[in-house]
Amino acid sequence: LATALAVGIILLLRGRRSQWIAIAVGAVGAIVVAWSRLYIG
């Protein structure tokens, strides 16, 4: 879900400068969610 939302927003902003911000924020968000699933076991 976190990846889908991140990729969706990144694709929404294709061709715009803000896409790079979306890539950075989306990557961090997906990593944090992935970490949380491992953290809780």
PDB file of all heavy atoms in Angstrom:
ATOM      1  N   LEU A   1       0.828  -1.207   0.000  1.00  0.00           N
ATOM      2  CA  LEU A   1       0.000   0.000   0.000  1.00  0.00           C
ATOM      3  C   LEU A   1       0.862   1.256   0.000  1.00  0.00           C
ATOM      4  O   LEU A   1       0.615   2.196  -0.773  1.00  0.00           O
ATOM      5  CB  LEU A   1      -0.929  -0.005   1.214  1.00  0.00           C
ATOM      6  CG  LEU A   1      -1.775   1.255   1.426  1.00  0.00           C
ATOM      7  CD1 LEU A   1      -2.573   1.600   0.178  1.00  0.00           C
ATOM      8  CD2 LEU A   1      -2.686   1.078   2.629  1.00  0.00           C
ATOM      9  N   ALA A   2       1.870   1.286   0.858  1.00  0.00           N
ATOM     10  CA  ALA A   2       2.758   2.455   0.911  1.00  0.00           C
ATOM     11  C   ALA A   2       3.467   2.659  -0.421  1.00  0.00           C
ATOM     12  O   ALA A   2       3.585   3.798  -0.912  1.00  0.00           O
ATOM     13  CB  ALA A   2       3.783   2.278   2.030  1.00  0.00           C
ATOM     14  N   THR A   3       3.908   1.568  -1.025  1.00  0.00           N
ATOM     15  CA  THR A   3       4.593   1.653  -2.323  1.00  0.00           C
ATOM     16  C   THR A   3       3.634   2.115  -3.405  1.00  0.00           C
ATOM     17  O   THR A   3       3.986   2.948  -4.246  1.00  0.00           O
ATOM     18  CB  THR A   3       5.183   0.279  -2.704  1.00  0.00           C
ATOM     19  OG1 THR A   3       6.087  -0.143  -1.680  1.00  0.00           O
ATOM     20  CG2 THR A   3       5.917   0.353  -4.036  1.00  0.00           C
ATOM     21  N   ALA A   4       2.411   1.584  -3.401  1.00  0.00           N
ATOM     22  CA  ALA A   4       1.422   1.955  -4.414  1.00  0.00           C
ATOM     23  C   ALA A   4       1.108   3.443  -4.356  1.00  0.00           C
ATOM     24  O   ALA A   4       1.034   4.119  -5.396  1.00  0.00           O
ATOM     25  CB  ALA A   4       0.152   1.134  -4.229  1.00  0.00           C
ATOM     26  N   LEU A   5       0.922   3.977  -3.162  1.00  0.00           N
ATOM     27  CA  LEU A   5       0.639   5.406  -3.030  1.00  0.00           C
ATOM     28  C   LEU A   5       1.829   6.241  -3.480  1.00  0.00           C
ATOM     29  O   LEU A   5       1.673   7.250  -4.186  1.00  0.00           O
ATOM     30  CB  LEU A   5       0.284   5.736  -1.586  1.00  0.00           C
ATOM     31  CG  LEU A   5      -1.103   5.271  -1.120  1.00  0.00           C
ATOM     32  CD1 LEU A   5      -1.237   5.431   0.390  1.00  0.00           C
ATOM     33  CD2 LEU A   5      -2.210   6.049  -1.846  1.00  0.00           C
ATOM     34  N   ALA A   6       3.022   5.812  -3.096  1.00  0.00           N
ATOM     35  CA  ALA A   6       4.224   6.555  -3.472  1.00  0.00           C
ATOM     36  C   ALA A   6       4.425   6.554  -4.980  1.00  0.00           C
ATOM     37  O   ALA A   6       4.642   7.604  -5.601  1.00  0.00           O
ATOM     38  CB  ALA A   6       5.449   5.959  -2.770  1.00  0.00           C
ATOM     39  N   VAL A   7       4.339   5.374  -5.598  1.00  0.00           N
ATOM     40  CA  VAL A   7       4.538   5.273  -7.047  1.00  0.00           C
ATOM     41  C   VAL A   7       3.439   6.022  -7.786  1.00  0.00           C
ATOM     42  O   VAL A   7       3.697   6.694  -8.793  1.00  0.00           O
ATOM     43  CB  VAL A   7       4.576   3.793  -7.478  1.00  0.00           C
ATOM     44  CG1 VAL A   7       4.586   3.671  -9.009  1.00  0.00           C
ATOM     45  CG2 VAL A   7       5.800   3.107  -6.897  1.00  0.00           C
ATOM     46  N   GLY A   8       2.208   5.937  -7.289  1.00  0.00           N
ATOM     47  CA  GLY A   8       1.105   6.655  -7.928  1.00  0.00           C
ATOM     48  C   GLY A   8       1.331   8.153  -7.955  1.00  0.00           C
ATOM     49  O   GLY A   8       1.117   8.815  -8.984  1.00  0.00           O
ATOM     50  N   ILE A   9       1.776   8.708  -6.845  1.00  0.00           N
ATOM     51  CA  ILE A   9       2.016  10.157  -6.781  1.00  0.00           C
ATOM     52  C   ILE A   9       3.219  10.537  -7.637  1.00  0.00           C
ATOM     53  O   ILE A   9       3.213  11.571  -8.315  1.00  0.00           O
ATOM     54  CB  ILE A   9       2.214  10.585  -5.316  1.00  0.00           C
ATOM     55  CG1 ILE A   9       0.895  10.401  -4.550  1.00  0.00           C
ATOM     56  CG2 ILE A   9       2.682  12.039  -5.236  1.00  0.00           C
ATOM     57  CD1 ILE A   9       1.003  10.620  -3.057  1.00  0.00           C
ATOM     58  N   ILE A  10       4.245   9.691  -7.636  1.00  0.00           N
ATOM     59  CA  ILE A  10       5.417   9.957  -8.476  1.00  0.00           C
ATOM     60  C   ILE A  10       5.020   9.996  -9.948  1.00  0.00           C
ATOM     61  O   ILE A  10       5.424  10.891 -10.698  1.00  0.00           O
ATOM     62  CB  ILE A  10       6.501   8.885  -8.229  1.00  0.00           C
ATOM     63  CG1 ILE A  10       7.111   9.056  -6.840  1.00  0.00           C
ATOM     64  CG2 ILE A  10       7.599   8.959  -9.303  1.00  0.00           C
ATOM     65  CD1 ILE A  10       7.961   7.881  -6.392  1.00  0.00           C
ATOM     66  N   LEU A  11       4.211   9.038 -10.373  1.00  0.00           N
ATOM     67  CA  LEU A  11       3.765   8.993 -11.765  1.00  0.00           C
ATOM     68  C   LEU A  11       2.835  10.155 -12.085  1.00  0.00           C
ATOM     69  O   LEU A  11       2.821  10.667 -13.201  1.00  0.00           O
ATOM     70  CB  LEU A  11       3.060   7.662 -12.045  1.00  0.00           C
ATOM     71  CG  LEU A  11       3.977   6.438 -12.066  1.00  0.00           C
ATOM     72  CD1 LEU A  11       3.142   5.158 -12.092  1.00  0.00           C
ATOM     73  CD2 LEU A  11       4.905   6.492 -13.268  1.00  0.00           C
ATOM     74  N   LEU A  12       2.062  10.567 -11.107  1.00  0.00           N
ATOM     75  CA  LEU A  12       1.168  11.704 -11.292  1.00  0.00           C
ATOM     76  C   LEU A  12       1.955  12.969 -11.632  1.00  0.00           C
ATOM     77  O   LEU A  12       1.487  13.836 -12.373  1.00  0.00           O
ATOM     78  CB  LEU A  12       0.358  11.925 -10.003  1.00  0.00           C
ATOM     79  CG  LEU A  12      -0.880  12.802 -10.065  1.00  0.00           C
ATOM     80  CD1 LEU A  12      -1.967  12.115 -10.875  1.00  0.00           C
ATOM     81  CD2 LEU A  12      -1.377  13.074  -8.650  1.00  0.00           C
ATOM     82  N   LEU A  13       3.163  13.048 -11.085  1.00  0.00           N
ATOM     83  CA  LEU A  13       3.983  14.249 -11.248  1.00  0.00           C
ATOM     84  C   LEU A  13       5.053  14.090 -12.332  1.00  0.00           C
ATOM     85  O   LEU A  13       5.997  14.872 -12.374  1.00  0.00           O
ATOM     86  CB  LEU A  13       4.653  14.599  -9.919  1.00  0.00           C
ATOM     87  CG  LEU A  13       3.698  14.911  -8.762  1.00  0.00           C
ATOM     88  CD1 LEU A  13       4.458  15.085  -7.466  1.00  0.00           C
ATOM     89  CD2 LEU A  13       2.883  16.174  -9.068  1.00  0.00           C
ATOM     90  N   ARG A  14       4.909  13.096 -13.192  1.00  0.00           N
ATOM     91  CA  ARG A  14       5.894  12.896 -14.263  1.00  0.00           C
ATOM     92  C   ARG A  14       6.062  14.166 -15.086  1.00  0.00           C
ATOM     93  O   ARG A  14       5.091  14.809 -15.478  1.00  0.00           O
ATOM     94  CB  ARG A  14       5.442  11.775 -15.201  1.00  0.00           C
ATOM     95  CG  ARG A  14       5.624  10.390 -14.660  1.00  0.00           C
ATOM     96  CD  ARG A  14       4.971   9.369 -15.557  1.00  0.00           C
ATOM     97  NE  ARG A  14       5.670   9.219 -16.822  1.00  0.00           N
ATOM     98  CZ  ARG A  14       5.172   8.562 -17.868  1.00  0.00           C
ATOM     99  NH1 ARG A  14       3.964   8.034 -17.800  1.00  0.00           N
ATOM    100  NH2 ARG A  14       5.866   8.456 -18.974  1.00  0.00           N
ATOM    101  N   GLY A  15       7.329  14.512 -15.332  1.00  0.00           N
ATOM    102  CA  GLY A  15       7.617  15.685 -16.135  1.00  0.00           C
ATOM    103  C   GLY A  15       7.640  16.990 -15.362  1.00  0.00           C
ATOM    104  O   GLY A  15       7.891  18.049 -15.956  1.00  0.00           O
ATOM    105  N   ARG A  16       7.425  16.942 -14.065  1.00  0.00           N
ATOM    106  CA  ARG A  16       7.430  18.158 -13.255  1.00  0.00           C
ATOM    107  C   ARG A  16       8.590  18.095 -12.259  1.00  0.00           C
ATOM    108  O   ARG A  16       9.006  17.021 -11.835  1.00  0.00           O
ATOM    109  CB  ARG A  16       6.094  18.309 -12.516  1.00  0.00           C
ATOM    110  CG  ARG A  16       4.893  18.257 -13.443  1.00  0.00           C
ATOM    111  CD  ARG A  16       3.585  18.364 -12.700  1.00  0.00           C
ATOM    112  NE  ARG A  16       3.352  19.699 -12.196  1.00  0.00           N
ATOM    113  CZ  ARG A  16       2.239  20.070 -11.551  1.00  0.00           C
ATOM    114  NH1 ARG A  16       1.287  19.200 -11.337  1.00  0.00           N
ATOM    115  NH2 ARG A  16       2.088  21.306 -11.126  1.00  0.00           N
ATOM    116  N   ARG A  17       9.094  19.253 -11.882  1.00  0.00           N
ATOM    117  CA  ARG A  17      10.229  19.300 -10.957  1.00  0.00           C
ATOM    118  C   ARG A  17       9.910  18.664  -9.621  1.00  0.00           C
ATOM    119  O   ARG A  17      10.774  18.066  -8.974  1.00  0.00           O
ATOM    120  CB  ARG A  17      10.661  20.749 -10.750  1.00  0.00           C
ATOM    121  CG  ARG A  17      11.256  21.409 -11.996  1.00  0.00           C
ATOM    122  CD  ARG A  17      11.669  22.823 -11.697  1.00  0.00           C
ATOM    123  NE  ARG A  17      12.234  23.475 -12.879  1.00  0.00           N
ATOM    124  CZ  ARG A  17      12.653  24.730 -12.908  1.00  0.00           C
ATOM    125  NH1 ARG A  17      12.564  25.486 -11.813  1.00  0.00           N
ATOM    126  NH2 ARG A  17      13.142  25.230 -14.023  1.00  0.00           N
ATOM    127  N   SER A  18       8.665  18.780  -9.190  1.00  0.00           N
ATOM    128  CA  SER A  18       8.268  18.228  -7.898  1.00  0.00           C
ATOM    129  C   SER A  18       8.295  16.706  -7.880  1.00  0.00           C
ATOM    130  O   SER A  18       8.164  16.097  -6.807  1.00  0.00           O
ATOM    131  CB  SER A  18       6.867  18.727  -7.531  1.00  0.00           C
ATOM    132  OG  SER A  18       5.951  18.496  -8.587  1.00  0.00           O
ATOM    133  N   GLN A  19       8.477  16.078  -9.030  1.00  0.00           N
ATOM    134  CA  GLN A  19       8.559  14.622  -9.056  1.00  0.00           C
ATOM    135  C   GLN A  19       9.720  14.122  -8.216  1.00  0.00           C
ATOM    136  O   GLN A  19       9.612  13.086  -7.553  1.00  0.00           O
ATOM    137  CB  GLN A  19       8.706  14.122 -10.494  1.00  0.00           C
ATOM    138  CG  GLN A  19       8.760  12.601 -10.596  1.00  0.00           C
ATOM    139  CD  GLN A  19       8.995  12.111 -12.015  1.00  0.00           C
ATOM    140  OE1 GLN A  19       9.569  12.812 -12.839  1.00  0.00           O
ATOM    141  NE2 GLN A  19       8.542  10.908 -12.308  1.00  0.00           N
ATOM    142  N   TRP A  20      10.816  14.845  -8.219  1.00  0.00           N
ATOM    143  CA  TRP A  20      11.985  14.402  -7.458  1.00  0.00           C
ATOM    144  C   TRP A  20      11.737  14.474  -5.959  1.00  0.00           C
ATOM    145  O   TRP A  20      12.232  13.645  -5.198  1.00  0.00           O
ATOM    146  CB  TRP A  20      13.206  15.238  -7.847  1.00  0.00           C
ATOM    147  CG  TRP A  20      13.596  14.988  -9.268  1.00  0.00           C
ATOM    148  CD1 TRP A  20      13.392  15.797 -10.346  1.00  0.00           C
ATOM    149  CD2 TRP A  20      14.216  13.802  -9.777  1.00  0.00           C
ATOM    150  NE1 TRP A  20      13.852  15.204 -11.495  1.00  0.00           N
ATOM    151  CE2 TRP A  20      14.368  13.974 -11.175  1.00  0.00           C
ATOM    152  CE3 TRP A  20      14.660  12.626  -9.191  1.00  0.00           C
ATOM    153  CZ2 TRP A  20      14.942  13.011 -11.995  1.00  0.00           C
ATOM    154  CZ3 TRP A  20      15.231  11.650 -10.000  1.00  0.00           C
ATOM    155  CH2 TRP A  20      15.372  11.851 -11.381  1.00  0.00           C
ATOM    156  N   ILE A  21      10.952  15.441  -5.547  1.00  0.00           N
ATOM    157  CA  ILE A  21      10.571  15.507  -4.134  1.00  0.00           C
ATOM    158  C   ILE A  21       9.692  14.316  -3.791  1.00  0.00           C
ATOM    159  O   ILE A  21       9.856  13.674  -2.746  1.00  0.00           O
ATOM    160  CB  ILE A  21       9.829  16.824  -3.839  1.00  0.00           C
ATOM    161  CG1 ILE A  21      10.739  18.018  -4.119  1.00  0.00           C
ATOM    162  CG2 ILE A  21       9.317  16.842  -2.404  1.00  0.00           C
ATOM    163  CD1 ILE A  21      10.060  19.362  -3.944  1.00  0.00           C
ATOM    164  N   ALA A  22       8.761  13.994  -4.692  1.00  0.00           N
ATOM    165  CA  ALA A  22       7.875  12.851  -4.477  1.00  0.00           C
ATOM    166  C   ALA A  22       8.668  11.552  -4.415  1.00  0.00           C
ATOM    167  O   ALA A  22       8.359  10.667  -3.608  1.00  0.00           O
ATOM    168  CB  ALA A  22       6.833  12.783  -5.591  1.00  0.00           C
ATOM    169  N   ILE A  23       9.698  11.422  -5.244  1.00  0.00           N
ATOM    170  CA  ILE A  23      10.530  10.219  -5.234  1.00  0.00           C
ATOM    171  C   ILE A  23      11.237  10.078  -3.880  1.00  0.00           C
ATOM    172  O   ILE A  23      11.254   8.994  -3.284  1.00  0.00           O
ATOM    173  CB  ILE A  23      11.562  10.261  -6.378  1.00  0.00           C
ATOM    174  CG1 ILE A  23      10.856  10.092  -7.731  1.00  0.00           C
ATOM    175  CG2 ILE A  23      12.621   9.168  -6.202  1.00  0.00           C
ATOM    176  CD1 ILE A  23      11.774  10.287  -8.923  1.00  0.00           C
ATOM    177  N   ALA A  24      11.805  11.180  -3.404  1.00  0.00           N
ATOM    178  CA  ALA A  24      12.524  11.137  -2.126  1.00  0.00           C
ATOM    179  C   ALA A  24      11.584  10.825  -0.969  1.00  0.00           C
ATOM    180  O   ALA A  24      11.860   9.937  -0.141  1.00  0.00           O
ATOM    181  CB  ALA A  24      13.230  12.472  -1.890  1.00  0.00           C
ATOM    182  N   VAL A  25      10.452  11.534  -0.915  1.00  0.00           N
ATOM    183  CA  VAL A  25       9.492  11.320   0.176  1.00  0.00           C
ATOM    184  C   VAL A  25       8.881   9.928   0.089  1.00  0.00           C
ATOM    185  O   VAL A  25       8.727   9.232   1.100  1.00  0.00           O
ATOM    186  CB  VAL A  25       8.389  12.391   0.137  1.00  0.00           C
ATOM    187  CG1 VAL A  25       7.306  12.086   1.165  1.00  0.00           C
ATOM    188  CG2 VAL A  25       8.984  13.775   0.395  1.00  0.00           C
ATOM    189  N   GLY A  26       8.541   9.508  -1.131  1.00  0.00           N
ATOM    190  CA  GLY A  26       7.944   8.189  -1.309  1.00  0.00           C
ATOM    191  C   GLY A  26       8.889   7.072  -0.919  1.00  0.00           C
ATOM    192  O   GLY A  26       8.474   6.081  -0.298  1.00  0.00           O
ATOM    193  N   ALA A  27      10.159   7.211  -1.274  1.00  0.00           N
ATOM    194  CA  ALA A  27      11.142   6.182  -0.915  1.00  0.00           C
ATOM    195  C   ALA A  27      11.299   6.082   0.597  1.00  0.00           C
ATOM    196  O   ALA A  27      11.318   4.974   1.163  1.00  0.00           O
ATOM    197  CB  ALA A  27      12.481   6.505  -1.566  1.00  0.00           C
ATOM    198  N   VAL A  28      11.392   7.234   1.250  1.00  0.00           N
ATOM    199  CA  VAL A  28      11.521   7.232   2.713  1.00  0.00           C
ATOM    200  C   VAL A  28      10.275   6.616   3.347  1.00  0.00           C
ATOM    201  O   VAL A  28      10.368   5.799   4.276  1.00  0.00           O
ATOM    202  CB  VAL A  28      11.739   8.666   3.239  1.00  0.00           C
ATOM    203  CG1 VAL A  28      11.643   8.693   4.764  1.00  0.00           C
ATOM    204  CG2 VAL A  28      13.097   9.191   2.786  1.00  0.00           C
ATOM    205  N   GLY A  29       9.103   6.992   2.846  1.00  0.00           N
ATOM    206  CA  GLY A  29       7.858   6.460   3.390  1.00  0.00           C
ATOM    207  C   GLY A  29       7.772   4.946   3.263  1.00  0.00           C
ATOM    208  O   GLY A  29       7.409   4.249   4.212  1.00  0.00           O
ATOM    209  N   ALA A  30       8.125   4.422   2.083  1.00  0.00           N
ATOM    210  CA  ALA A  30       8.069   2.978   1.866  1.00  0.00           C
ATOM    211  C   ALA A  30       9.063   2.254   2.764  1.00  0.00           C
ATOM    212  O   ALA A  30       8.762   1.180   3.316  1.00  0.00           O
ATOM    213  CB  ALA A  30       8.343   2.659   0.396  1.00  0.00           C
ATOM    214  N   ILE A  31      10.242   2.836   2.932  1.00  0.00           N
ATOM    215  CA  ILE A  31      11.255   2.215   3.796  1.00  0.00           C
ATOM    216  C   ILE A  31      10.797   2.194   5.251  1.00  0.00           C
ATOM    217  O   ILE A  31      10.972   1.192   5.953  1.00  0.00           O
ATOM    218  CB  ILE A  31      12.597   2.972   3.665  1.00  0.00           C
ATOM    219  CG1 ILE A  31      13.207   2.724   2.279  1.00  0.00           C
ATOM    220  CG2 ILE A  31      13.575   2.542   4.757  1.00  0.00           C
ATOM    221  CD1 ILE A  31      14.411   3.586   1.974  1.00  0.00           C
ATOM    222  N   VAL A  32      10.201   3.283   5.700  1.00  0.00           N
ATOM    223  CA  VAL A  32       9.723   3.348   7.086  1.00  0.00           C
ATOM    224  C   VAL A  32       8.620   2.316   7.324  1.00  0.00           C
ATOM    225  O   VAL A  32       8.609   1.627   8.356  1.00  0.00           O
ATOM    226  CB  VAL A  32       9.214   4.764   7.422  1.00  0.00           C
ATOM    227  CG1 VAL A  32       8.478   4.776   8.759  1.00  0.00           C
ATOM    228  CG2 VAL A  32      10.372   5.748   7.455  1.00  0.00           C
ATOM    229  N   VAL A  33       7.703   2.203   6.371  1.00  0.00           N
ATOM    230  CA  VAL A  33       6.629   1.216   6.518  1.00  0.00           C
ATOM    231  C   VAL A  33       7.204  -0.198   6.513  1.00  0.00           C
ATOM    232  O   VAL A  33       6.815  -1.045   7.322  1.00  0.00           O
ATOM    233  CB  VAL A  33       5.575   1.380   5.405  1.00  0.00           C
ATOM    234  CG1 VAL A  33       4.564   0.231   5.451  1.00  0.00           C
ATOM    235  CG2 VAL A  33       4.856   2.712   5.548  1.00  0.00           C
ATOM    236  N   ALA A  34       8.138  -0.462   5.604  1.00  0.00           N
ATOM    237  CA  ALA A  34       8.771  -1.781   5.550  1.00  0.00           C
ATOM    238  C   ALA A  34       9.476  -2.088   6.873  1.00  0.00           C
ATOM    239  O   ALA A  34       9.353  -3.201   7.417  1.00  0.00           O
ATOM    240  CB  ALA A  34       9.768  -1.828   4.394  1.00  0.00           C
ATOM    241  N   TRP A  35      10.203  -1.100   7.395  1.00  0.00           N
ATOM    242  CA  TRP A  35      10.875  -1.281   8.694  1.00  0.00           C
ATOM    243  C   TRP A  35       9.856  -1.600   9.781  1.00  0.00           C
ATOM    244  O   TRP A  35      10.087  -2.505  10.610  1.00  0.00           O
ATOM    245  CB  TRP A  35      11.626  -0.008   9.076  1.00  0.00           C
ATOM    246  CG  TRP A  35      11.911   0.080  10.545  1.00  0.00           C
ATOM    247  CD1 TRP A  35      12.933  -0.494  11.222  1.00  0.00           C
ATOM    248  CD2 TRP A  35      11.094   0.754  11.536  1.00  0.00           C
ATOM    249  NE1 TRP A  35      12.817  -0.222  12.568  1.00  0.00           N
ATOM    250  CE2 TRP A  35      11.709   0.540  12.784  1.00  0.00           C
ATOM    251  CE3 TRP A  35       9.928   1.513  11.470  1.00  0.00           C
ATOM    252  CZ2 TRP A  35      11.178   1.064  13.958  1.00  0.00           C
ATOM    253  CZ3 TRP A  35       9.398   2.023  12.637  1.00  0.00           C
ATOM    254  CH2 TRP A  35      10.029   1.802  13.872  1.00  0.00           C
ATOM    255  N   SER A  36       8.722  -0.913   9.787  1.00  0.00           N
ATOM    256  CA  SER A  36       7.723  -1.111  10.841  1.00  0.00           C
ATOM    257  C   SER A  36       7.172  -2.530  10.835  1.00  0.00           C
ATOM    258  O   SER A  36       6.889  -3.103  11.892  1.00  0.00           O
ATOM    259  CB  SER A  36       6.577  -0.107  10.695  1.00  0.00           C
ATOM    260  OG  SER A  36       5.741  -0.425   9.589  1.00  0.00           O
ATOM    261  N   ARG A  37       7.042  -3.133   9.652  1.00  0.00           N
ATOM    262  CA  ARG A  37       6.506  -4.491   9.570  1.00  0.00           C
ATOM    263  C   ARG A  37       7.514  -5.525  10.084  1.00  0.00           C
ATOM    264  O   ARG A  37       7.135  -6.535  10.659  1.00  0.00           O
ATOM    265  CB  ARG A  37       6.096  -4.811   8.123  1.00  0.00           C
ATOM    266  CG  ARG A  37       5.109  -3.846   7.532  1.00  0.00           C
ATOM    267  CD  ARG A  37       3.919  -3.628   8.434  1.00  0.00           C
ATOM    268  NE  ARG A  37       3.075  -4.817   8.511  1.00  0.00           N
ATOM    269  CZ  ARG A  37       2.173  -5.026   9.448  1.00  0.00           C
ATOM    270  NH1 ARG A  37       2.017  -4.160  10.440  1.00  0.00           N
ATOM    271  NH2 ARG A  37       1.431  -6.128   9.428  1.00  0.00           N
ATOM    272  N   LEU A  38       8.796  -5.243   9.861  1.00  0.00           N
ATOM    273  CA  LEU A  38       9.832  -6.118  10.406  1.00  0.00           C
ATOM    274  C   LEU A  38       9.980  -5.892  11.913  1.00  0.00           C
ATOM    275  O   LEU A  38      10.182  -6.838  12.680  1.00  0.00           O
ATOM    276  CB  LEU A  38      11.165  -5.854   9.710  1.00  0.00           C
ATOM    277  CG  LEU A  38      11.200  -6.077   8.197  1.00  0.00           C
ATOM    278  CD1 LEU A  38      12.578  -5.713   7.646  1.00  0.00           C
ATOM    279  CD2 LEU A  38      10.855  -7.511   7.854  1.00  0.00           C
ATOM    280  N   TYR A  39       9.867  -4.654  12.327  1.00  0.00           N
ATOM    281  CA  TYR A  39      10.049  -4.283  13.727  1.00  0.00           C
ATOM    282  C   TYR A  39       9.025  -4.968  14.623  1.00  0.00           C
ATOM    283  O   TYR A  39       9.359  -5.437  15.724  1.00  0.00           O
ATOM    284  CB  TYR A  39       9.935  -2.766  13.860  1.00  0.00           C
ATOM    285  CG  TYR A  39      10.161  -2.226  15.241  1.00  0.00           C
ATOM    286  CD1 TYR A  39      11.449  -1.930  15.703  1.00  0.00           C
ATOM    287  CD2 TYR A  39       9.079  -1.975  16.093  1.00  0.00           C
ATOM    288  CE1 TYR A  39      11.650  -1.417  16.968  1.00  0.00           C
ATOM    289  CE2 TYR A  39       9.272  -1.462  17.368  1.00  0.00           C
ATOM    290  CZ  TYR A  39      10.562  -1.183  17.803  1.00  0.00           C
ATOM    291  OH  TYR A  39      10.755  -0.672  19.065  1.00  0.00           O
ATOM    292  N   ILE A  40       7.772  -5.039  14.168  1.00  0.00           N
ATOM    293  CA  ILE A  40       6.739  -5.653  15.005  1.00  0.00           C
ATOM    294  C   ILE A  40       6.744  -7.178  14.873  1.00  0.00           C
ATOM    295  O   ILE A  40       6.050  -7.868  15.621  1.00  0.00           O
ATOM    296  CB  ILE A  40       5.330  -5.112  14.708  1.00  0.00           C
ATOM    297  CG1 ILE A  40       4.843  -5.592  13.345  1.00  0.00           C
ATOM    298  CG2 ILE A  40       5.297  -3.610  14.821  1.00  0.00           C
ATOM    299  CD1 ILE A  40       3.394  -5.238  13.073  1.00  0.00           C
ATOM    300  N   GLY A  41       7.514  -7.694  13.908  1.00  0.00           N
ATOM    301  CA  GLY A  41       7.636  -9.139  13.753  1.00  0.00           C
ATOM    302  C   GLY A  41       6.569  -9.789  12.894  1.00  0.00           C
ATOM    303  O   GLY A  41       6.328 -10.997  12.997  1.00  0.00           O
TER     304      GLY A  41
END
